[in-house]
């Protein structure tokens, strides 16, 4: 299985923790062929970024639950990590890699797929620039507060 990385990007985990933060060389040798996406280049430019640090960045996002905008620079540009993840999902490469990771984990620890749970949190979005209630343009006229000049029924 994958070894645990100990740099500042990863969380401290016990040595017997079977979860991964980065793909080690043995695991990457099995994952790399699955993540290859053949895409013809339309024009010359910057060469394609290596997939390995980008995949480690995807693992980091999935393990921490953080937003894509907070991906550490050690994994590459956050937009490239997100774009490559979307490309892998669109082509089915990520599903194949995920299946391989589950099989690897099942061999190492064992999976109990009889019971599964999902967790989430839905909250109302705070009022912001978009979608909030319309602001009142003008206030209604204020009623006079002085005494009424009309005769009163009470003497």
N, C-alpha and C. Protein backbone atom coordinates (compact mmCIF):
# COMPACT_ATOMS: atom_id res chain seq x y z
N UNK A 1 0.85 -1.18 0.00
CA UNK A 1 0.00 0.00 0.00
C UNK A 1 0.88 1.23 0.00
N UNK A 2 0.31 2.39 -0.01
CA UNK A 2 1.07 3.63 -0.07
C UNK A 2 1.67 3.97 1.28
N UNK A 3 2.80 4.60 1.24
CA UNK A 3 3.43 5.02 2.48
C UNK A 3 2.89 6.39 2.87
N UNK A 4 3.01 6.71 4.11
CA UNK A 4 2.55 8.00 4.59
C UNK A 4 3.64 9.03 4.41
N UNK A 5 3.28 10.17 3.89
CA UNK A 5 4.25 11.25 3.75
C UNK A 5 4.31 12.02 5.06
N UNK A 6 5.44 12.62 5.34
CA UNK A 6 5.60 13.30 6.62
C UNK A 6 5.92 14.78 6.45
N UNK A 7 5.68 15.36 5.29
CA UNK A 7 5.99 16.78 5.13
C UNK A 7 4.89 17.63 5.74
N UNK A 8 5.03 18.94 5.64
CA UNK A 8 4.10 19.85 6.29
C UNK A 8 2.73 19.84 5.64
N UNK A 9 2.60 19.33 4.44
CA UNK A 9 1.31 19.31 3.75
C UNK A 9 0.40 18.26 4.35
N UNK A 10 0.94 17.16 4.79
CA UNK A 10 0.12 16.07 5.29
C UNK A 10 -0.10 16.18 6.78
N UNK A 11 -1.18 15.59 7.22
CA UNK A 11 -1.48 15.58 8.65
C UNK A 11 -0.68 14.48 9.34
N UNK A 12 -0.42 14.68 10.59
CA UNK A 12 0.29 13.65 11.36
C UNK A 12 -0.64 12.47 11.56
N UNK A 13 -0.17 11.28 11.22
CA UNK A 13 -0.98 10.07 11.35
C UNK A 13 -0.13 8.98 11.96
N UNK A 14 -0.74 8.08 12.69
CA UNK A 14 0.02 6.97 13.25
C UNK A 14 0.63 6.13 12.13
N UNK A 15 1.74 5.47 12.41
CA UNK A 15 2.44 4.67 11.40
C UNK A 15 1.59 3.51 10.90
N UNK A 16 0.66 3.01 11.72
CA UNK A 16 -0.17 1.89 11.28
C UNK A 16 -1.46 2.34 10.59
N UNK A 17 -1.60 3.64 10.36
CA UNK A 17 -2.78 4.16 9.69
C UNK A 17 -2.74 3.75 8.22
N UNK A 18 -3.73 3.00 7.73
CA UNK A 18 -3.69 2.52 6.35
C UNK A 18 -4.11 3.55 5.31
N UNK A 19 -4.58 4.72 5.73
CA UNK A 19 -5.01 5.71 4.75
C UNK A 19 -3.80 6.35 4.09
N UNK A 20 -3.99 6.87 2.92
CA UNK A 20 -2.87 7.47 2.19
C UNK A 20 -3.06 8.98 2.06
N UNK A 21 -1.97 9.68 2.00
CA UNK A 21 -1.96 11.11 1.72
C UNK A 21 -1.29 11.37 0.38
N UNK A 22 -0.37 10.50 0.01
CA UNK A 22 0.30 10.60 -1.29
C UNK A 22 0.55 9.19 -1.80
N UNK A 23 0.53 9.05 -3.11
CA UNK A 23 0.77 7.73 -3.71
C UNK A 23 2.27 7.45 -3.70
N UNK A 24 2.66 6.29 -3.15
CA UNK A 24 4.07 5.92 -3.16
C UNK A 24 4.43 5.36 -4.54
N UNK A 25 5.69 5.00 -4.74
CA UNK A 25 6.17 4.57 -6.05
C UNK A 25 5.47 3.30 -6.54
N UNK A 26 5.24 2.35 -5.65
CA UNK A 26 4.61 1.09 -6.05
C UNK A 26 3.16 1.33 -6.49
N UNK A 27 2.43 2.11 -5.68
CA UNK A 27 1.04 2.40 -6.02
C UNK A 27 0.96 3.26 -7.28
N UNK A 28 1.86 4.23 -7.40
CA UNK A 28 1.83 5.10 -8.58
C UNK A 28 2.11 4.31 -9.86
N UNK A 29 2.96 3.30 -9.78
CA UNK A 29 3.24 2.48 -10.96
C UNK A 29 1.96 1.79 -11.45
N UNK A 30 1.05 1.48 -10.54
CA UNK A 30 -0.22 0.86 -10.93
C UNK A 30 -1.26 1.90 -11.35
N UNK A 31 -1.20 3.10 -10.76
CA UNK A 31 -2.18 4.14 -11.06
C UNK A 31 -1.88 4.91 -12.34
N UNK A 32 -0.62 5.16 -12.62
CA UNK A 32 -0.23 6.02 -13.74
C UNK A 32 -0.83 5.59 -15.07
N UNK A 33 -0.82 4.30 -15.43
CA UNK A 33 -1.42 3.94 -16.71
C UNK A 33 -2.93 4.20 -16.78
N UNK A 34 -3.60 4.18 -15.65
CA UNK A 34 -5.04 4.42 -15.64
C UNK A 34 -5.39 5.89 -15.85
N UNK A 35 -4.47 6.78 -15.44
CA UNK A 35 -4.75 8.21 -15.49
C UNK A 35 -4.28 8.90 -16.77
N UNK A 36 -3.72 8.12 -17.69
CA UNK A 36 -3.25 8.71 -18.94
C UNK A 36 -4.46 9.09 -19.79
N UNK A 37 -4.50 10.35 -20.17
CA UNK A 37 -5.56 10.84 -21.04
C UNK A 37 -4.89 11.36 -22.31
N UNK A 38 -5.18 10.71 -23.42
CA UNK A 38 -4.59 11.12 -24.69
C UNK A 38 -5.47 12.23 -25.26
N UNK A 39 -4.86 13.37 -25.39
CA UNK A 39 -5.59 14.54 -25.84
C UNK A 39 -4.67 15.30 -26.79
N UNK A 40 -5.04 15.41 -28.05
CA UNK A 40 -4.16 16.11 -28.99
C UNK A 40 -4.05 17.59 -28.64
N UNK A 41 -2.84 18.09 -28.80
CA UNK A 41 -2.60 19.50 -28.53
C UNK A 41 -3.06 20.33 -29.71
N UNK A 42 -3.78 21.38 -29.44
CA UNK A 42 -4.29 22.25 -30.50
C UNK A 42 -3.25 23.28 -30.94
N UNK A 43 -2.39 23.66 -30.00
CA UNK A 43 -1.35 24.63 -30.32
C UNK A 43 -0.17 24.40 -29.40
N UNK A 44 1.00 24.84 -29.81
CA UNK A 44 2.17 24.66 -28.94
C UNK A 44 2.05 25.55 -27.71
N UNK A 45 2.71 25.13 -26.67
CA UNK A 45 2.67 25.93 -25.44
C UNK A 45 3.38 25.21 -24.32
N UNK A 46 3.00 25.54 -23.12
CA UNK A 46 3.60 24.93 -21.94
C UNK A 46 3.34 23.42 -21.95
N UNK A 47 4.36 22.62 -21.64
CA UNK A 47 4.16 21.16 -21.62
C UNK A 47 3.19 20.76 -20.50
N UNK A 48 2.56 19.63 -20.70
CA UNK A 48 1.58 19.11 -19.74
C UNK A 48 2.28 18.83 -18.39
N UNK A 49 1.63 19.23 -17.31
CA UNK A 49 2.17 19.03 -15.96
C UNK A 49 2.13 17.55 -15.60
N UNK A 50 3.14 17.10 -14.86
CA UNK A 50 3.21 15.72 -14.41
C UNK A 50 1.96 15.38 -13.58
N UNK A 51 1.39 14.20 -13.83
CA UNK A 51 0.15 13.80 -13.16
C UNK A 51 0.33 13.46 -11.69
N UNK A 52 1.49 13.00 -11.30
CA UNK A 52 1.65 12.49 -9.94
C UNK A 52 1.40 13.53 -8.85
N UNK A 53 2.04 14.71 -8.90
CA UNK A 53 1.73 15.68 -7.85
C UNK A 53 0.28 16.17 -7.92
N UNK A 54 -0.29 16.19 -9.11
CA UNK A 54 -1.68 16.61 -9.24
C UNK A 54 -2.61 15.59 -8.59
N UNK A 55 -2.31 14.30 -8.78
CA UNK A 55 -3.12 13.25 -8.15
C UNK A 55 -2.98 13.32 -6.63
N UNK A 56 -1.76 13.59 -6.15
CA UNK A 56 -1.57 13.76 -4.71
C UNK A 56 -2.37 14.96 -4.20
N UNK A 57 -2.48 16.01 -5.01
CA UNK A 57 -3.29 17.16 -4.64
C UNK A 57 -4.77 16.80 -4.56
N UNK A 58 -5.24 15.95 -5.46
CA UNK A 58 -6.63 15.49 -5.41
C UNK A 58 -6.86 14.68 -4.14
N UNK A 59 -5.91 13.80 -3.81
CA UNK A 59 -6.02 13.03 -2.57
C UNK A 59 -6.08 13.98 -1.37
N UNK A 60 -5.26 15.02 -1.39
CA UNK A 60 -5.23 15.98 -0.29
C UNK A 60 -6.60 16.65 -0.13
N UNK A 61 -7.20 17.07 -1.26
CA UNK A 61 -8.52 17.72 -1.19
C UNK A 61 -9.57 16.75 -0.66
N UNK A 62 -9.54 15.51 -1.14
CA UNK A 62 -10.54 14.54 -0.70
C UNK A 62 -10.35 14.15 0.77
N UNK A 63 -9.12 14.09 1.24
CA UNK A 63 -8.86 13.70 2.63
C UNK A 63 -9.18 14.83 3.60
N UNK A 64 -8.88 16.07 3.21
CA UNK A 64 -9.08 17.19 4.14
C UNK A 64 -10.48 17.79 4.04
N UNK A 65 -11.13 17.62 2.89
CA UNK A 65 -12.43 18.26 2.70
C UNK A 65 -12.30 19.74 2.41
N UNK A 66 -11.10 20.18 2.11
CA UNK A 66 -10.85 21.60 1.86
C UNK A 66 -11.36 21.99 0.47
N UNK A 67 -11.40 23.27 0.23
CA UNK A 67 -11.80 23.78 -1.07
C UNK A 67 -10.61 23.71 -2.03
N UNK A 68 -10.93 23.70 -3.31
CA UNK A 68 -9.87 23.64 -4.32
C UNK A 68 -8.96 24.86 -4.23
N UNK A 69 -9.50 25.98 -3.80
CA UNK A 69 -8.70 27.20 -3.74
C UNK A 69 -7.62 27.15 -2.67
N UNK A 70 -7.67 26.16 -1.77
CA UNK A 70 -6.68 26.08 -0.70
C UNK A 70 -5.64 24.98 -0.93
N UNK A 71 -5.59 24.42 -2.12
CA UNK A 71 -4.62 23.36 -2.42
C UNK A 71 -3.21 23.93 -2.26
N UNK A 72 -2.36 23.28 -1.46
CA UNK A 72 -0.98 23.78 -1.28
C UNK A 72 -0.21 23.81 -2.60
N UNK A 73 0.66 24.75 -2.72
CA UNK A 73 1.44 24.96 -3.94
C UNK A 73 2.34 23.76 -4.27
N UNK A 74 2.65 22.92 -3.28
CA UNK A 74 3.54 21.79 -3.52
C UNK A 74 2.93 20.78 -4.50
N UNK A 75 1.62 20.82 -4.67
CA UNK A 75 0.95 19.91 -5.60
C UNK A 75 0.82 20.51 -7.00
N UNK A 76 1.20 21.75 -7.16
CA UNK A 76 1.05 22.43 -8.44
C UNK A 76 -0.02 23.50 -8.33
N UNK A 77 -0.25 24.21 -9.43
CA UNK A 77 -1.28 25.25 -9.40
C UNK A 77 -2.65 24.65 -9.09
N UNK A 78 -3.39 25.34 -8.21
CA UNK A 78 -4.69 24.80 -7.79
C UNK A 78 -5.65 24.65 -8.96
N UNK A 79 -5.58 25.53 -9.93
CA UNK A 79 -6.47 25.41 -11.09
C UNK A 79 -6.10 24.19 -11.93
N UNK A 80 -4.82 23.88 -12.02
CA UNK A 80 -4.38 22.71 -12.78
C UNK A 80 -4.81 21.43 -12.07
N UNK A 81 -4.70 21.41 -10.74
CA UNK A 81 -5.14 20.23 -9.98
C UNK A 81 -6.63 20.00 -10.22
N UNK A 82 -7.41 21.06 -10.13
CA UNK A 82 -8.87 20.94 -10.33
C UNK A 82 -9.21 20.57 -11.77
N UNK A 83 -8.55 21.20 -12.73
CA UNK A 83 -8.81 20.89 -14.14
C UNK A 83 -8.48 19.44 -14.47
N UNK A 84 -7.36 18.95 -13.94
CA UNK A 84 -6.97 17.57 -14.22
C UNK A 84 -7.96 16.59 -13.57
N UNK A 85 -8.41 16.92 -12.34
CA UNK A 85 -9.42 16.09 -11.68
C UNK A 85 -10.69 16.02 -12.52
N UNK A 86 -11.15 17.17 -13.02
CA UNK A 86 -12.35 17.19 -13.87
C UNK A 86 -12.12 16.39 -15.15
N UNK A 87 -10.94 16.48 -15.72
CA UNK A 87 -10.61 15.71 -16.93
C UNK A 87 -10.66 14.21 -16.64
N UNK A 88 -10.09 13.80 -15.52
CA UNK A 88 -10.09 12.38 -15.15
C UNK A 88 -11.51 11.88 -14.89
N UNK A 89 -12.34 12.70 -14.27
CA UNK A 89 -13.73 12.30 -14.03
C UNK A 89 -14.48 12.19 -15.35
N UNK A 90 -14.30 13.16 -16.21
CA UNK A 90 -15.01 13.19 -17.50
C UNK A 90 -14.65 11.99 -18.38
N UNK A 91 -13.39 11.56 -18.33
CA UNK A 91 -12.95 10.45 -19.19
C UNK A 91 -13.12 9.08 -18.52
N UNK A 92 -13.50 9.06 -17.24
CA UNK A 92 -13.67 7.79 -16.53
C UNK A 92 -12.38 7.27 -15.91
N UNK A 93 -11.29 7.99 -16.07
CA UNK A 93 -10.00 7.55 -15.53
C UNK A 93 -10.01 7.59 -14.00
N UNK A 94 -10.68 8.58 -13.42
CA UNK A 94 -10.69 8.67 -11.96
C UNK A 94 -11.48 7.52 -11.35
N UNK A 95 -12.57 7.12 -11.98
CA UNK A 95 -13.36 5.98 -11.48
C UNK A 95 -12.51 4.70 -11.49
N UNK A 96 -11.71 4.52 -12.52
CA UNK A 96 -10.83 3.34 -12.58
C UNK A 96 -9.77 3.40 -11.49
N UNK A 97 -9.19 4.59 -11.29
CA UNK A 97 -8.17 4.75 -10.25
C UNK A 97 -8.79 4.53 -8.87
N UNK A 98 -9.99 5.05 -8.65
CA UNK A 98 -10.68 4.88 -7.37
C UNK A 98 -10.96 3.41 -7.10
N UNK A 99 -11.37 2.68 -8.14
CA UNK A 99 -11.61 1.24 -8.00
C UNK A 99 -10.34 0.52 -7.60
N UNK A 100 -9.23 0.88 -8.25
CA UNK A 100 -7.94 0.27 -7.91
C UNK A 100 -7.56 0.56 -6.46
N UNK A 101 -7.77 1.81 -6.02
CA UNK A 101 -7.46 2.17 -4.65
C UNK A 101 -8.33 1.40 -3.65
N UNK A 102 -9.60 1.23 -3.97
CA UNK A 102 -10.47 0.45 -3.08
C UNK A 102 -10.05 -1.01 -3.02
N UNK A 103 -9.68 -1.57 -4.16
CA UNK A 103 -9.21 -2.96 -4.18
C UNK A 103 -7.92 -3.10 -3.36
N UNK A 104 -7.03 -2.13 -3.50
CA UNK A 104 -5.77 -2.15 -2.75
C UNK A 104 -6.04 -2.06 -1.25
N UNK A 105 -6.94 -1.18 -0.89
CA UNK A 105 -7.29 -1.01 0.52
C UNK A 105 -7.97 -2.27 1.06
N UNK A 106 -8.82 -2.88 0.25
CA UNK A 106 -9.51 -4.10 0.66
C UNK A 106 -8.52 -5.22 0.92
N UNK A 107 -7.50 -5.34 0.09
CA UNK A 107 -6.47 -6.36 0.30
C UNK A 107 -5.66 -6.08 1.56
N UNK A 108 -5.42 -4.80 1.83
CA UNK A 108 -4.57 -4.41 2.95
C UNK A 108 -5.32 -4.46 4.29
N UNK A 109 -6.53 -3.93 4.33
CA UNK A 109 -7.28 -3.80 5.58
C UNK A 109 -8.57 -4.61 5.55
N UNK A 110 -9.25 -4.56 4.44
CA UNK A 110 -10.55 -5.23 4.33
C UNK A 110 -11.67 -4.20 4.40
N UNK A 111 -12.60 -4.31 3.49
CA UNK A 111 -13.74 -3.41 3.44
C UNK A 111 -15.00 -4.15 3.87
N UNK A 112 -15.85 -3.48 4.60
CA UNK A 112 -17.15 -4.02 4.95
C UNK A 112 -18.17 -3.17 4.21
N UNK A 113 -18.58 -3.63 3.04
CA UNK A 113 -19.47 -2.85 2.19
C UNK A 113 -20.95 -3.09 2.48
N UNK A 114 -21.26 -3.76 3.59
CA UNK A 114 -22.65 -4.00 3.93
C UNK A 114 -23.31 -2.76 4.50
N UNK A 115 -22.55 -1.89 5.09
CA UNK A 115 -23.10 -0.68 5.68
C UNK A 115 -22.26 0.51 5.24
N UNK A 116 -22.93 1.50 4.68
CA UNK A 116 -22.23 2.70 4.25
C UNK A 116 -23.01 3.90 4.71
N UNK A 117 -22.33 5.00 4.86
CA UNK A 117 -22.97 6.22 5.32
C UNK A 117 -22.35 7.41 4.61
N UNK A 118 -23.15 8.41 4.40
CA UNK A 118 -22.66 9.65 3.83
C UNK A 118 -23.02 10.77 4.79
N UNK A 119 -22.17 11.75 4.88
CA UNK A 119 -22.39 12.85 5.78
C UNK A 119 -22.33 14.14 5.00
N UNK A 120 -23.14 15.08 5.36
CA UNK A 120 -23.12 16.35 4.69
C UNK A 120 -23.78 17.41 5.55
N UNK A 121 -23.68 18.62 5.10
CA UNK A 121 -24.27 19.73 5.85
C UNK A 121 -24.85 20.71 4.84
N UNK A 122 -26.12 20.99 4.97
CA UNK A 122 -26.77 21.96 4.10
C UNK A 122 -27.16 23.15 4.96
N UNK A 123 -26.71 24.30 4.56
CA UNK A 123 -27.04 25.51 5.30
C UNK A 123 -27.52 26.57 4.33
N UNK A 124 -28.29 27.48 4.84
CA UNK A 124 -28.76 28.58 4.02
C UNK A 124 -27.60 29.51 3.72
N UNK A 125 -27.48 29.90 2.48
CA UNK A 125 -26.39 30.79 2.09
C UNK A 125 -26.63 32.16 2.72
N UNK A 126 -25.57 32.80 3.18
CA UNK A 126 -25.74 34.14 3.75
C UNK A 126 -26.13 35.13 2.66
N UNK A 127 -26.81 36.18 3.07
CA UNK A 127 -27.20 37.21 2.11
C UNK A 127 -25.94 37.90 1.59
N UNK A 128 -25.87 38.00 0.33
CA UNK A 128 -24.69 38.61 -0.26
C UNK A 128 -25.09 39.52 -1.39
N UNK A 129 -24.19 39.65 -2.34
CA UNK A 129 -24.45 40.53 -3.47
C UNK A 129 -25.49 39.96 -4.41
N UNK A 130 -25.58 38.62 -4.47
CA UNK A 130 -26.52 38.00 -5.39
C UNK A 130 -27.59 37.26 -4.61
N UNK A 131 -28.81 37.35 -5.06
CA UNK A 131 -29.87 36.52 -4.52
C UNK A 131 -30.48 37.01 -3.23
N UNK A 132 -30.05 38.12 -2.70
CA UNK A 132 -30.62 38.63 -1.46
C UNK A 132 -31.92 39.35 -1.71
N UNK A 133 -32.65 39.69 -0.66
CA UNK A 133 -33.90 40.42 -0.87
C UNK A 133 -33.61 41.80 -1.44
N UNK A 134 -34.58 42.28 -2.19
CA UNK A 134 -34.39 43.60 -2.79
C UNK A 134 -34.40 44.67 -1.71
N UNK A 135 -33.57 45.66 -1.88
CA UNK A 135 -33.53 46.76 -0.92
C UNK A 135 -34.64 47.75 -1.25
N UNK A 136 -35.17 48.36 -0.23
CA UNK A 136 -36.19 49.38 -0.45
C UNK A 136 -35.52 50.62 -1.02
N UNK A 137 -36.07 51.12 -2.12
CA UNK A 137 -35.46 52.28 -2.76
C UNK A 137 -35.76 53.57 -1.99
N UNK A 138 -37.00 53.74 -1.59
CA UNK A 138 -37.35 54.95 -0.88
C UNK A 138 -38.22 54.57 0.31
N UNK A 139 -38.10 55.32 1.35
CA UNK A 139 -38.91 55.07 2.52
C UNK A 139 -40.30 55.65 2.31
N UNK A 140 -41.29 55.06 2.95
CA UNK A 140 -42.65 55.60 2.90
C UNK A 140 -42.68 56.88 3.73
N UNK A 141 -43.60 57.74 3.38
CA UNK A 141 -43.71 59.00 4.10
C UNK A 141 -44.05 58.73 5.57
N UNK A 142 -43.42 59.47 6.44
CA UNK A 142 -43.65 59.31 7.87
C UNK A 142 -44.91 60.06 8.26
N UNK A 143 -45.76 59.40 9.02
CA UNK A 143 -47.00 60.04 9.46
C UNK A 143 -46.66 61.18 10.42
N UNK A 144 -47.43 62.24 10.39
CA UNK A 144 -47.17 63.35 11.31
C UNK A 144 -47.38 62.91 12.74
N UNK A 145 -46.56 63.44 13.62
CA UNK A 145 -46.68 63.07 15.04
C UNK A 145 -47.31 64.17 15.87
N UNK A 146 -47.56 65.31 15.30
CA UNK A 146 -48.16 66.42 16.05
C UNK A 146 -49.64 66.15 16.29
N UNK A 147 -50.25 66.91 17.17
CA UNK A 147 -51.68 66.75 17.48
C UNK A 147 -52.54 67.01 16.25
N UNK A 148 -53.67 66.36 16.20
CA UNK A 148 -54.58 66.48 15.07
C UNK A 148 -55.47 67.71 15.30
N UNK A 149 -55.61 68.50 14.26
CA UNK A 149 -56.43 69.71 14.36
C UNK A 149 -57.92 69.41 14.30
N UNK A 150 -58.31 68.22 13.94
CA UNK A 150 -59.73 67.86 13.84
C UNK A 150 -60.32 67.77 15.25
N UNK A 151 -61.61 68.04 15.38
CA UNK A 151 -62.24 67.97 16.69
C UNK A 151 -62.22 66.53 17.22
N UNK A 152 -62.08 66.41 18.49
CA UNK A 152 -62.02 65.10 19.13
C UNK A 152 -63.39 64.74 19.66
N UNK A 153 -63.72 63.47 19.66
CA UNK A 153 -65.01 63.02 20.18
C UNK A 153 -64.99 63.00 21.69
N UNK A 154 -63.82 63.07 22.26
CA UNK A 154 -63.70 63.05 23.72
C UNK A 154 -63.59 64.50 24.20
N UNK A 155 -64.35 64.88 25.20
CA UNK A 155 -64.30 66.24 25.69
C UNK A 155 -63.30 66.45 26.76
